[in-house]
Amino acid sequence: MKILLAPSEGKRSGGKGRFDPCSLLFDELCPLREELLDLYEEILERGDSQELQELFGLKKPDQIARYARLYPRKAPVMKAVLRYDGVAFEALDYPSLPSEAQSFVDENLMIFSNLFGPLRAEDRIPDYRVKQGAAIAGVAPEKRYREAASPLLDAWLADEEILDLRAGFYDRFYKPSRTFTTMKFLKNGKVVSHWAKMWRGRMVREIARAKAKNLDEVLALPLQGMQLLEIQEKGKKREVIYEVE
């Protein structure tokens, strides 16, 4: 089973070593990643405050300055699952997982980056920032990655059950071509929006701890704070609905 997850715009700083875009999942995407990196670093080089603000989705000068100084090809790297530090990744809390559960995450969690496209959790990436939906010098990364990566992802996921925990926006990067499972979280009968990220992170954590191999094993997990309500199926999409605390 493979789990698909959205990135977070916030990143953890630091790392070690040098970035190699061709070391990431799918060698075939290296030329596209290099092209987008060139465009990204050209924006940094120009230093236009409005352009940087739109790219980063930030307004405070000190926050913009932080990312404007970071040239990905020269920056230290760390695992993608450690680099992202948003709500879902805090809930996943990868560093506190047992080593076997960490290995499960490394091998089975895919994160969709707004700059680098589909990544394995263990892929080592630099600190960077691209606002969700932002163009990079007029280029829409989600469109380019959808065109280039969809056949690769279809082949990579061909023999796997797919649990898609991404926000809806990331369908623009890739939408599975066969049956896949999503999850919806309700509180008092209403759909949880922002805090759904937390529940997604908790779900990945519990799946990794159990090293669940398929959806049946996921559904059998004793999940604290989550109660299974129903499973709805429509076309290729299977949606599992939980009531949460």
Protein backbone atom coordinates (compact mmCIF):
# COMPACT_ATOMS: atom_id res chain seq x y z
CA MET A 1 0.00 0.00 0.00
CA LYS A 2 1.20 3.49 -0.87
CA ILE A 3 0.03 6.64 0.89
CA LEU A 4 -0.17 9.99 -0.92
CA LEU A 5 0.19 13.17 1.16
CA ALA A 6 0.33 16.90 0.46
CA PRO A 7 3.38 18.93 1.51
CA SER A 8 3.37 21.84 3.92
CA GLU A 9 4.43 25.34 2.89
CA GLY A 10 6.41 25.71 6.12
CA LYS A 11 9.75 23.92 6.27
CA ARG A 12 12.25 22.93 8.94
CA SER A 13 15.63 24.60 8.38
CA GLY A 14 19.02 22.88 8.43
CA GLY A 15 20.31 19.59 7.09
CA LYS A 16 23.60 18.37 5.69
CA GLY A 17 25.06 17.37 2.37
CA ARG A 18 24.34 18.84 -1.06
CA PHE A 19 21.15 18.59 -3.09
CA ASP A 20 20.99 16.42 -6.21
CA PRO A 21 17.65 16.76 -8.02
CA CYS A 22 18.45 13.64 -10.04
CA SER A 23 18.54 11.55 -6.85
CA LEU A 24 14.80 12.00 -6.30
CA LEU A 25 12.09 9.51 -7.28
CA PHE A 26 11.87 9.00 -11.06
CA ASP A 27 15.06 9.78 -12.96
CA GLU A 28 12.86 10.73 -15.90
CA LEU A 29 11.71 13.86 -14.06
CA CYS A 30 15.23 15.21 -13.56
CA PRO A 31 15.15 17.53 -16.62
CA LEU A 32 11.84 19.05 -15.52
CA ARG A 33 13.09 19.51 -11.96
CA GLU A 34 16.24 21.19 -13.26
CA GLU A 35 14.14 23.50 -15.45
CA LEU A 36 11.92 24.55 -12.55
CA LEU A 37 14.95 24.99 -10.29
CA ASP A 38 16.52 27.30 -12.89
CA LEU A 39 13.34 29.41 -12.97
CA TYR A 40 13.06 29.42 -9.17
CA GLU A 41 16.65 30.53 -8.66
CA GLU A 42 16.32 33.20 -11.37
CA ILE A 43 13.46 34.69 -9.34
CA LEU A 44 15.69 34.68 -6.25
CA GLU A 45 18.44 36.35 -8.27
CA ARG A 46 16.15 39.12 -9.52
CA GLY A 47 15.10 39.89 -5.97
CA ASP A 48 11.85 41.60 -6.97
CA SER A 49 9.85 41.91 -3.75
CA GLN A 50 6.44 41.53 -5.40
CA GLU A 51 7.53 38.49 -7.37
CA LEU A 52 9.02 36.88 -4.25
CA GLN A 53 5.90 37.64 -2.23
CA GLU A 54 3.70 35.93 -4.82
CA LEU A 55 6.01 32.92 -5.13
CA PHE A 56 6.36 32.38 -1.38
CA GLY A 57 2.88 33.46 -0.33
CA LEU A 58 4.40 35.64 2.38
CA LYS A 59 4.10 39.32 3.29
CA LYS A 60 6.49 39.88 6.20
CA PRO A 61 9.89 41.13 4.93
CA ASP A 62 11.89 38.98 7.34
CA GLN A 63 10.07 35.82 6.25
CA ILE A 64 10.55 36.68 2.58
CA ALA A 65 14.24 37.39 3.22
CA ARG A 66 14.71 33.97 4.79
CA TYR A 67 13.64 32.09 1.66
CA ALA A 68 15.15 34.61 -0.76
CA ARG A 69 18.59 33.69 0.60
CA LEU A 70 18.12 29.95 0.07
CA TYR A 71 19.36 28.68 -3.27
CA PRO A 72 18.24 25.02 -3.37
CA ARG A 73 21.26 23.73 -5.28
CA LYS A 74 23.59 25.13 -2.59
CA ALA A 75 21.45 24.34 0.45
CA PRO A 76 21.85 21.37 2.83
CA VAL A 77 19.31 18.57 2.62
CA MET A 78 17.24 16.34 4.86
CA LYS A 79 14.54 13.72 4.34
CA ALA A 80 11.36 15.24 2.90
CA VAL A 81 9.31 13.80 5.77
CA LEU A 82 11.52 15.77 8.17
CA ARG A 83 11.80 18.92 6.05
CA TYR A 84 8.05 19.59 6.05
CA ASP A 85 6.83 20.78 9.44
CA GLY A 86 3.14 21.60 8.95
CA VAL A 87 0.20 20.24 10.94
CA ALA A 88 0.10 16.82 9.27
CA PHE A 89 3.82 16.27 9.76
CA GLU A 90 3.68 17.36 13.38
CA ALA A 91 0.92 14.80 13.94
CA LEU A 92 2.90 12.11 12.12
CA ASP A 93 5.89 12.92 14.39
CA TYR A 94 8.29 10.82 12.34
CA PRO A 95 11.30 11.21 14.70
CA SER A 96 9.43 9.55 17.56
CA LEU A 97 8.41 6.48 15.53
CA PRO A 98 10.19 3.15 16.06
CA SER A 99 12.81 2.41 13.39
CA GLU A 100 10.61 -0.18 11.64
CA ALA A 101 7.75 2.31 11.41
CA GLN A 102 10.15 4.96 10.07
CA SER A 103 11.25 2.49 7.39
CA PHE A 104 7.60 1.92 6.49
CA VAL A 105 7.11 5.67 6.04
CA ASP A 106 10.33 5.99 4.03
CA GLU A 107 9.21 3.30 1.61
CA ASN A 108 5.47 3.87 1.37
CA LEU A 109 4.70 7.57 1.87
CA MET A 110 4.74 9.84 -1.18
CA ILE A 111 4.67 13.63 -0.79
CA PHE A 112 3.74 15.95 -3.65
CA SER A 113 6.04 18.99 -3.67
CA ASN A 114 5.06 22.24 -5.39
CA LEU A 115 8.64 22.50 -6.69
CA PHE A 116 9.95 18.93 -6.98
CA GLY A 117 6.77 16.98 -7.78
CA PRO A 118 6.27 13.47 -6.39
CA LEU A 119 8.79 12.54 -3.69
CA ARG A 120 9.42 9.55 -1.48
CA ALA A 121 9.38 10.43 2.20
CA GLU A 122 13.06 9.47 2.33
CA ASP A 123 14.12 11.67 -0.61
CA ARG A 124 16.52 14.35 0.60
CA ILE A 125 15.51 17.88 -0.30
CA PRO A 126 16.64 21.44 0.57
CA ASP A 127 14.69 24.18 2.30
CA TYR A 128 12.55 26.14 -0.19
CA ARG A 129 9.10 27.69 -0.47
CA VAL A 130 6.50 27.71 -3.23
CA LYS A 131 2.95 28.70 -2.32
CA GLN A 132 0.30 26.17 -3.27
CA GLY A 133 -0.99 27.14 -6.70
CA ALA A 134 1.76 29.68 -7.38
CA ALA A 135 3.33 29.78 -10.82
CA ILE A 136 7.12 29.71 -11.10
CA ALA A 137 8.03 32.43 -13.61
CA GLY A 138 4.73 31.83 -15.38
CA VAL A 139 5.02 28.03 -15.33
CA ALA A 140 2.36 26.03 -13.47
CA PRO A 141 4.29 23.17 -11.80
CA GLU A 142 1.17 21.12 -11.15
CA LYS A 143 0.37 21.04 -14.89
CA ARG A 144 3.91 20.15 -15.92
CA TYR A 145 4.22 17.38 -13.33
CA ARG A 146 0.80 15.98 -14.19
CA GLU A 147 1.85 15.64 -17.82
CA ALA A 148 5.30 14.22 -17.10
CA ALA A 149 4.71 12.12 -13.99
CA SER A 150 1.26 10.57 -14.40
CA PRO A 151 2.43 7.63 -16.55
CA LEU A 152 5.35 7.03 -14.18
CA LEU A 153 3.08 7.10 -11.14
CA ASP A 154 0.52 4.80 -12.76
CA ALA A 155 3.28 2.24 -13.36
CA TRP A 156 4.82 2.70 -9.90
CA LEU A 157 1.45 2.23 -8.18
CA ALA A 158 0.17 -0.51 -10.48
CA ASP A 159 0.42 -3.32 -7.94
CA GLU A 160 -0.35 -1.24 -4.85
CA GLU A 161 -3.44 -0.22 -2.94
CA ILE A 162 -3.57 3.60 -2.93
CA LEU A 163 -4.57 5.67 0.08
CA ASP A 164 -4.86 9.27 -1.07
CA LEU A 165 -4.71 11.64 1.91
CA ARG A 166 -3.85 14.76 -0.07
CA ALA A 167 -5.83 17.98 -0.15
CA GLY A 168 -7.98 18.22 -3.26
CA PHE A 169 -5.66 20.72 -4.95
CA TYR A 170 -3.07 17.99 -5.48
CA ASP A 171 -5.33 16.12 -7.87
CA ARG A 172 -3.90 18.67 -10.30
CA PHE A 173 -0.51 16.96 -9.96
CA TYR A 174 -1.84 13.42 -10.23
CA LYS A 175 -5.11 11.54 -10.04
CA PRO A 176 -4.96 7.76 -9.80
CA SER A 177 -6.18 6.01 -12.93
CA ARG A 178 -7.65 3.07 -11.01
CA THR A 179 -9.42 2.42 -7.70
CA PHE A 180 -8.12 4.46 -4.78
CA THR A 181 -9.21 5.30 -1.24
CA THR A 182 -9.64 8.70 0.39
CA MET A 183 -10.70 9.66 3.91
CA LYS A 184 -13.11 12.27 5.25
CA PHE A 185 -13.19 13.39 8.87
CA LEU A 186 -16.37 14.72 10.52
CA LYS A 187 -16.84 16.38 13.87
CA ASN A 188 -20.38 16.66 15.17
CA GLY A 189 -21.51 15.69 11.70
CA LYS A 190 -19.62 18.51 9.95
CA VAL A 191 -16.60 18.12 7.68
CA VAL A 192 -13.32 19.02 9.39
CA SER A 193 -11.33 21.41 7.17
CA HIS A 194 -7.98 22.76 8.45
CA TRP A 195 -7.65 20.21 11.25
CA ALA A 196 -8.19 17.40 8.77
CA LYS A 197 -4.44 17.74 8.22
CA MET A 198 -3.85 16.67 11.81
CA TRP A 199 -6.06 13.61 11.45
CA ARG A 200 -4.34 12.66 8.21
CA GLY A 201 -0.99 12.84 9.97
CA ARG A 202 -2.29 10.74 12.85
CA MET A 203 -3.67 8.22 10.39
CA VAL A 204 -0.29 7.86 8.65
CA ARG A 205 1.38 7.45 12.05
CA GLU A 206 -0.92 4.63 13.12
CA ILE A 207 -0.65 2.89 9.74
CA ALA A 208 3.14 3.06 9.98
CA ARG A 209 3.18 1.76 13.55
CA ALA A 210 1.07 -1.22 12.46
CA LYS A 211 2.90 -1.57 9.13
CA ALA A 212 -0.52 -2.07 7.54
CA LYS A 213 -0.33 -3.75 4.16
CA ASN A 214 -3.80 -3.02 2.81
CA LEU A 215 -7.05 -1.17 3.46
CA ASP A 216 -8.59 -4.04 5.42
CA GLU A 217 -5.72 -3.83 7.90
CA VAL A 218 -6.12 -0.04 8.09
CA LEU A 219 -9.84 -0.33 8.80
CA ALA A 220 -9.13 -2.84 11.57
CA LEU A 221 -6.78 -0.46 13.42
CA PRO A 222 -7.91 0.69 16.89
CA LEU A 223 -7.69 4.42 16.19
CA GLN A 224 -7.88 6.67 19.22
CA GLY A 225 -10.24 9.60 18.68
CA MET A 226 -11.56 8.24 15.36
CA GLN A 227 -14.70 6.18 14.84
CA LEU A 228 -15.48 4.59 11.49
CA LEU A 229 -18.91 5.70 10.25
CA GLU A 230 -19.25 4.41 6.70
CA ILE A 231 -17.54 3.69 3.41
CA GLN A 232 -18.91 5.23 0.22
CA GLU A 233 -17.94 4.15 -3.27
CA LYS A 234 -18.37 6.15 -6.45
CA GLY A 235 -16.57 5.08 -9.59
CA LYS A 236 -12.88 4.55 -8.86
CA LYS A 237 -13.07 6.44 -5.56
CA ARG A 238 -13.68 4.75 -2.22
CA GLU A 239 -14.19 7.25 0.63
CA VAL A 240 -13.82 6.16 4.25
CA ILE A 241 -15.64 8.48 6.67
CA TYR A 242 -14.65 8.88 10.30
CA GLU A 243 -16.19 10.81 13.18
CA VAL A 244 -13.39 12.44 15.20
CA GLU A 245 -13.17 13.92 18.67
